[in-house]
Amino acid sequence: MNDLYLTPLTGSILVFLVVVCGHRFRKAWKEQYPGWQKRAWMYGVPALVGLLMLGFVPLEF
C-alpha cells in the first residue's frame, strides 16, 4: 500500500477528467433529456472516484 501515489502527470490528467465528467454530469442533470439519469450516473461516478483519489492518494514529486 506504500507504493500507491499520484505523479504530477497522473494528478493533472485526473483533474482534467474530473472537470470534464463533472461538467457533463451537471449538463445531464440540468437538461434532463430522456435517459438523463443513466448519463448522470455514467459521468457522476467517475467524477466522484476521481475526487476521492485526488483527496486521499498522496502526490509524489
PDB file of N, CA and C in Angstrom:
ATOM      1  N   MET A   1       0.817  -1.193   0.000  1.00  0.00           N
ATOM      2  CA  MET A   1       0.000   0.000   0.000  1.00  0.00           C
ATOM      3  C   MET A   1       0.865   1.263   0.000  1.00  0.00           C
ATOM      4  N   ASN A   2       2.127   1.153   0.385  1.00  0.00           N
ATOM      5  CA  ASN A   2       3.018   2.299   0.412  1.00  0.00           C
ATOM      6  C   ASN A   2       3.411   2.754  -0.989  1.00  0.00           C
ATOM      7  N   ASP A   3       3.198   1.909  -1.991  1.00  0.00           N
ATOM      8  CA  ASP A   3       3.562   2.255  -3.362  1.00  0.00           C
ATOM      9  C   ASP A   3       2.452   2.997  -4.100  1.00  0.00           C
ATOM     10  N   LEU A   4       1.363   3.300  -3.424  1.00  0.00           N
ATOM     11  CA  LEU A   4       0.232   3.961  -4.056  1.00  0.00           C
ATOM     12  C   LEU A   4       0.388   5.474  -3.933  1.00  0.00           C
ATOM     13  N   TYR A   5       0.618   6.137  -5.066  1.00  0.00           N
ATOM     14  CA  TYR A   5       0.745   7.595  -5.095  1.00  0.00           C
ATOM     15  C   TYR A   5       0.445   8.092  -6.501  1.00  0.00           C
ATOM     16  N   LEU A   6       0.204   9.384  -6.616  1.00  0.00           N
ATOM     17  CA  LEU A   6      -0.025  10.019  -7.912  1.00  0.00           C
ATOM     18  C   LEU A   6       1.195  10.830  -8.300  1.00  0.00           C
ATOM     19  N   THR A   7       1.610  10.703  -9.534  1.00  0.00           N
ATOM     20  CA  THR A   7       2.675  11.559 -10.045  1.00  0.00           C
ATOM     21  C   THR A   7       2.032  12.876 -10.488  1.00  0.00           C
ATOM     22  N   PRO A   8       2.804  13.915 -10.685  1.00  0.00           N
ATOM     23  CA  PRO A   8       2.210  15.171 -11.156  1.00  0.00           C
ATOM     24  C   PRO A   8       1.452  15.019 -12.479  1.00  0.00           C
ATOM     25  N   LEU A   9       1.951  14.194 -13.377  1.00  0.00           N
ATOM     26  CA  LEU A   9       1.264  13.987 -14.653  1.00  0.00           C
ATOM     27  C   LEU A   9      -0.074  13.278 -14.450  1.00  0.00           C
ATOM     28  N   THR A  10      -0.095  12.198 -13.688  1.00  0.00           N
ATOM     29  CA  THR A  10      -1.354  11.484 -13.461  1.00  0.00           C
ATOM     30  C   THR A  10      -2.328  12.339 -12.662  1.00  0.00           C
ATOM     31  N   GLY A  11      -1.819  13.138 -11.739  1.00  0.00           N
ATOM     32  CA  GLY A  11      -2.688  14.038 -10.993  1.00  0.00           C
ATOM     33  C   GLY A  11      -3.319  15.083 -11.895  1.00  0.00           C
ATOM     34  N   SER A  12      -2.549  15.615 -12.817  1.00  0.00           N
ATOM     35  CA  SER A  12      -3.064  16.618 -13.756  1.00  0.00           C
ATOM     36  C   SER A  12      -4.113  16.014 -14.686  1.00  0.00           C
ATOM     37  N   ILE A  13      -3.849  14.828 -15.178  1.00  0.00           N
ATOM     38  CA  ILE A  13      -4.805  14.141 -16.042  1.00  0.00           C
ATOM     39  C   ILE A  13      -6.082  13.843 -15.274  1.00  0.00           C
ATOM     40  N   LEU A  14      -5.941  13.437 -14.023  1.00  0.00           N
ATOM     41  CA  LEU A  14      -7.099  13.138 -13.189  1.00  0.00           C
ATOM     42  C   LEU A  14      -7.937  14.391 -12.926  1.00  0.00           C
ATOM     43  N   VAL A  15      -7.287  15.516 -12.693  1.00  0.00           N
ATOM     44  CA  VAL A  15      -8.018  16.774 -12.512  1.00  0.00           C
ATOM     45  C   VAL A  15      -8.801  17.110 -13.771  1.00  0.00           C
ATOM     46  N   PHE A  16      -8.177  16.972 -14.931  1.00  0.00           N
ATOM     47  CA  PHE A  16      -8.854  17.249 -16.196  1.00  0.00           C
ATOM     48  C   PHE A  16     -10.077  16.342 -16.368  1.00  0.00           C
ATOM     49  N   LEU A  17      -9.919  15.036 -16.095  1.00  0.00           N
ATOM     50  CA  LEU A  17     -11.037  14.099 -16.248  1.00  0.00           C
ATOM     51  C   LEU A  17     -12.169  14.396 -15.269  1.00  0.00           C
ATOM     52  N   VAL A  18     -11.825  14.785 -14.045  1.00  0.00           N
ATOM     53  CA  VAL A  18     -12.847  15.133 -13.052  1.00  0.00           C
ATOM     54  C   VAL A  18     -13.631  16.358 -13.509  1.00  0.00           C
ATOM     55  N   VAL A  19     -12.941  17.348 -14.039  1.00  0.00           N
ATOM     56  CA  VAL A  19     -13.616  18.562 -14.513  1.00  0.00           C
ATOM     57  C   VAL A  19     -14.555  18.231 -15.674  1.00  0.00           C
ATOM     58  N   VAL A  20     -14.082  17.446 -16.625  1.00  0.00           N
ATOM     59  CA  VAL A  20     -14.911  17.090 -17.785  1.00  0.00           C
ATOM     60  C   VAL A  20     -16.124  16.262 -17.343  1.00  0.00           C
ATOM     61  N   CYS A  21     -15.899  15.256 -16.523  1.00  0.00           N
ATOM     62  CA  CYS A  21     -17.009  14.412 -16.065  1.00  0.00           C
ATOM     63  C   CYS A  21     -17.993  15.206 -15.207  1.00  0.00           C
ATOM     64  N   GLY A  22     -17.483  16.090 -14.363  1.00  0.00           N
ATOM     65  CA  GLY A  22     -18.356  16.914 -13.543  1.00  0.00           C
ATOM     66  C   GLY A  22     -19.205  17.859 -14.380  1.00  0.00           C
ATOM     67  N   HIS A  23     -18.607  18.422 -15.416  1.00  0.00           N
ATOM     68  CA  HIS A  23     -19.356  19.303 -16.317  1.00  0.00           C
ATOM     69  C   HIS A  23     -20.456  18.533 -17.053  1.00  0.00           C
ATOM     70  N   ARG A  24     -20.109  17.357 -17.553  1.00  0.00           N
ATOM     71  CA  ARG A  24     -21.099  16.540 -18.265  1.00  0.00           C
ATOM     72  C   ARG A  24     -22.209  16.067 -17.320  1.00  0.00           C
ATOM     73  N   PHE A  25     -21.851  15.752 -16.064  1.00  0.00           N
ATOM     74  CA  PHE A  25     -22.850  15.366 -15.063  1.00  0.00           C
ATOM     75  C   PHE A  25     -23.832  16.510 -14.846  1.00  0.00           C
ATOM     76  N   ARG A  26     -23.301  17.713 -14.655  1.00  0.00           N
ATOM     77  CA  ARG A  26     -24.152  18.877 -14.407  1.00  0.00           C
ATOM     78  C   ARG A  26     -25.043  19.177 -15.609  1.00  0.00           C
ATOM     79  N   LYS A  27     -24.493  19.025 -16.802  1.00  0.00           N
ATOM     80  CA  LYS A  27     -25.267  19.269 -18.024  1.00  0.00           C
ATOM     81  C   LYS A  27     -26.415  18.266 -18.150  1.00  0.00           C
ATOM     82  N   ALA A  28     -26.141  16.988 -17.881  1.00  0.00           N
ATOM     83  CA  ALA A  28     -27.185  15.961 -17.960  1.00  0.00           C
ATOM     84  C   ALA A  28     -28.268  16.221 -16.912  1.00  0.00           C
ATOM     85  N   TRP A  29     -27.869  16.630 -15.725  1.00  0.00           N
ATOM     86  CA  TRP A  29     -28.814  16.890 -14.650  1.00  0.00           C
ATOM     87  C   TRP A  29     -29.668  18.120 -14.964  1.00  0.00           C
ATOM     88  N   LYS A  30     -29.056  19.131 -15.524  1.00  0.00           N
ATOM     89  CA  LYS A  30     -29.752  20.382 -15.804  1.00  0.00           C
ATOM     90  C   LYS A  30     -30.748  20.242 -16.954  1.00  0.00           C
ATOM     91  N   GLU A  31     -30.345  19.576 -18.036  1.00  0.00           N
ATOM     92  CA  GLU A  31     -31.198  19.484 -19.220  1.00  0.00           C
ATOM     93  C   GLU A  31     -32.277  18.415 -19.098  1.00  0.00           C
ATOM     94  N   GLN A  32     -31.992  17.319 -18.452  1.00  0.00           N
ATOM     95  CA  GLN A  32     -32.918  16.219 -18.183  1.00  0.00           C
ATOM     96  C   GLN A  32     -33.656  15.716 -19.426  1.00  0.00           C
ATOM     97  N   TYR A  33     -32.876  15.441 -20.476  1.00  0.00           N
ATOM     98  CA  TYR A  33     -33.445  14.774 -21.632  1.00  0.00           C
ATOM     99  C   TYR A  33     -33.758  13.331 -21.260  1.00  0.00           C
ATOM    100  N   PRO A  34     -34.535  12.627 -22.104  1.00  0.00           N
ATOM    101  CA  PRO A  34     -34.813  11.216 -21.808  1.00  0.00           C
ATOM    102  C   PRO A  34     -33.511  10.426 -21.632  1.00  0.00           C
ATOM    103  N   GLY A  35     -33.452   9.642 -20.584  1.00  0.00           N
ATOM    104  CA  GLY A  35     -32.265   8.852 -20.270  1.00  0.00           C
ATOM    105  C   GLY A  35     -31.203   9.636 -19.527  1.00  0.00           C
ATOM    106  N   TRP A  36     -31.560  10.792 -18.976  1.00  0.00           N
ATOM    107  CA  TRP A  36     -30.574  11.655 -18.308  1.00  0.00           C
ATOM    108  C   TRP A  36     -30.008  11.006 -17.065  1.00  0.00           C
ATOM    109  N   GLN A  37     -30.785  10.191 -16.378  1.00  0.00           N
ATOM    110  CA  GLN A  37     -30.307   9.588 -15.135  1.00  0.00           C
ATOM    111  C   GLN A  37     -29.152   8.621 -15.396  1.00  0.00           C
ATOM    112  N   LYS A  38     -29.255   7.865 -16.470  1.00  0.00           N
ATOM    113  CA  LYS A  38     -28.176   6.940 -16.819  1.00  0.00           C
ATOM    114  C   LYS A  38     -26.897   7.711 -17.149  1.00  0.00           C
ATOM    115  N   ARG A  39     -27.038   8.794 -17.934  1.00  0.00           N
ATOM    116  CA  ARG A  39     -25.870   9.616 -18.266  1.00  0.00           C
ATOM    117  C   ARG A  39     -25.306  10.295 -17.025  1.00  0.00           C
ATOM    118  N   ALA A  40     -26.171  10.730 -16.113  1.00  0.00           N
ATOM    119  CA  ALA A  40     -25.693  11.371 -14.890  1.00  0.00           C
ATOM    120  C   ALA A  40     -24.875  10.377 -14.059  1.00  0.00           C
ATOM    121  N   TRP A  41     -25.325   9.154 -13.949  1.00  0.00           N
ATOM    122  CA  TRP A  41     -24.556   8.139 -13.223  1.00  0.00           C
ATOM    123  C   TRP A  41     -23.246   7.830 -13.941  1.00  0.00           C
ATOM    124  N   MET A  42     -23.311   7.785 -15.294  1.00  0.00           N
ATOM    125  CA  MET A  42     -22.125   7.483 -16.084  1.00  0.00           C
ATOM    126  C   MET A  42     -21.021   8.517 -15.880  1.00  0.00           C
ATOM    127  N   TYR A  43     -21.390   9.769 -15.705  1.00  0.00           N
ATOM    128  CA  TYR A  43     -20.407  10.822 -15.502  1.00  0.00           C
ATOM    129  C   TYR A  43     -20.173  11.137 -14.028  1.00  0.00           C
ATOM    130  N   GLY A  44     -21.167  10.930 -13.199  1.00  0.00           N
ATOM    131  CA  GLY A  44     -21.038  11.264 -11.785  1.00  0.00           C
ATOM    132  C   GLY A  44     -20.128  10.327 -11.016  1.00  0.00           C
ATOM    133  N   VAL A  45     -20.207   9.045 -11.303  1.00  0.00           N
ATOM    134  CA  VAL A  45     -19.373   8.074 -10.580  1.00  0.00           C
ATOM    135  C   VAL A  45     -17.879   8.278 -10.865  1.00  0.00           C
ATOM    136  N   PRO A  46     -17.457   8.425 -12.121  1.00  0.00           N
ATOM    137  CA  PRO A  46     -16.031   8.696 -12.348  1.00  0.00           C
ATOM    138  C   PRO A  46     -15.567  10.017 -11.724  1.00  0.00           C
ATOM    139  N   ALA A  47     -16.435  11.032 -11.731  1.00  0.00           N
ATOM    140  CA  ALA A  47     -16.072  12.302 -11.106  1.00  0.00           C
ATOM    141  C   ALA A  47     -15.883  12.116  -9.602  1.00  0.00           C
ATOM    142  N   LEU A  48     -16.767  11.364  -8.972  1.00  0.00           N
ATOM    143  CA  LEU A  48     -16.651  11.103  -7.534  1.00  0.00           C
ATOM    144  C   LEU A  48     -15.394  10.311  -7.208  1.00  0.00           C
ATOM    145  N   VAL A  49     -15.136   9.271  -7.970  1.00  0.00           N
ATOM    146  CA  VAL A  49     -13.940   8.448  -7.734  1.00  0.00           C
ATOM    147  C   VAL A  49     -12.675   9.280  -7.936  1.00  0.00           C
ATOM    148  N   GLY A  50     -12.667  10.091  -8.972  1.00  0.00           N
ATOM    149  CA  GLY A  50     -11.513  10.945  -9.224  1.00  0.00           C
ATOM    150  C   GLY A  50     -11.279  11.945  -8.100  1.00  0.00           C
ATOM    151  N   LEU A  51     -12.350  12.550  -7.608  1.00  0.00           N
ATOM    152  CA  LEU A  51     -12.208  13.491  -6.494  1.00  0.00           C
ATOM    153  C   LEU A  51     -11.706  12.800  -5.236  1.00  0.00           C
ATOM    154  N   LEU A  52     -12.207  11.603  -4.974  1.00  0.00           N
ATOM    155  CA  LEU A  52     -11.731  10.854  -3.812  1.00  0.00           C
ATOM    156  C   LEU A  52     -10.251  10.495  -3.950  1.00  0.00           C
ATOM    157  N   MET A  53      -9.847  10.119  -5.159  1.00  0.00           N
ATOM    158  CA  MET A  53      -8.428   9.818  -5.375  1.00  0.00           C
ATOM    159  C   MET A  53      -7.569  11.058  -5.178  1.00  0.00           C
ATOM    160  N   LEU A  54      -8.023  12.195  -5.703  1.00  0.00           N
ATOM    161  CA  LEU A  54      -7.261  13.431  -5.538  1.00  0.00           C
ATOM    162  C   LEU A  54      -7.184  13.835  -4.071  1.00  0.00           C
ATOM    163  N   GLY A  55      -8.214  13.522  -3.327  1.00  0.00           N
ATOM    164  CA  GLY A  55      -8.244  13.912  -1.928  1.00  0.00           C
ATOM    165  C   GLY A  55      -7.449  13.013  -1.009  1.00  0.00           C
ATOM    166  N   PHE A  56      -7.367  11.723  -1.319  1.00  0.00           N
ATOM    167  CA  PHE A  56      -6.804  10.776  -0.363  1.00  0.00           C
ATOM    168  C   PHE A  56      -5.539  10.049  -0.811  1.00  0.00           C
ATOM    169  N   VAL A  57      -5.201  10.110  -2.085  1.00  0.00           N
ATOM    170  CA  VAL A  57      -3.966   9.471  -2.565  1.00  0.00           C
ATOM    171  C   VAL A  57      -2.888  10.536  -2.614  1.00  0.00           C
ATOM    172  N   PRO A  58      -1.763  10.301  -1.960  1.00  0.00           N
ATOM    173  CA  PRO A  58      -0.726  11.336  -1.926  1.00  0.00           C
ATOM    174  C   PRO A  58      -0.079  11.589  -3.291  1.00  0.00           C
ATOM    175  N   LEU A  59       0.390  12.803  -3.453  1.00  0.00           N
ATOM    176  CA  LEU A  59       1.084  13.213  -4.662  1.00  0.00           C
ATOM    177  C   LEU A  59       2.574  13.153  -4.409  1.00  0.00           C
ATOM    178  N   GLU A  60       3.300  12.457  -5.269  1.00  0.00           N
ATOM    179  CA  GLU A  60       4.748  12.324  -5.100  1.00  0.00           C
ATOM    180  C   GLU A  60       5.469  13.115  -6.182  1.00  0.00           C
ATOM    181  N   PHE A  61       6.427  13.892  -5.791  1.00  0.00           N
ATOM    182  CA  PHE A  61       7.191  14.722  -6.732  1.00  0.00           C
ATOM    183  C   PHE A  61       8.467  14.050  -7.146  1.00  0.00           C
TER     184      PHE A  61
END
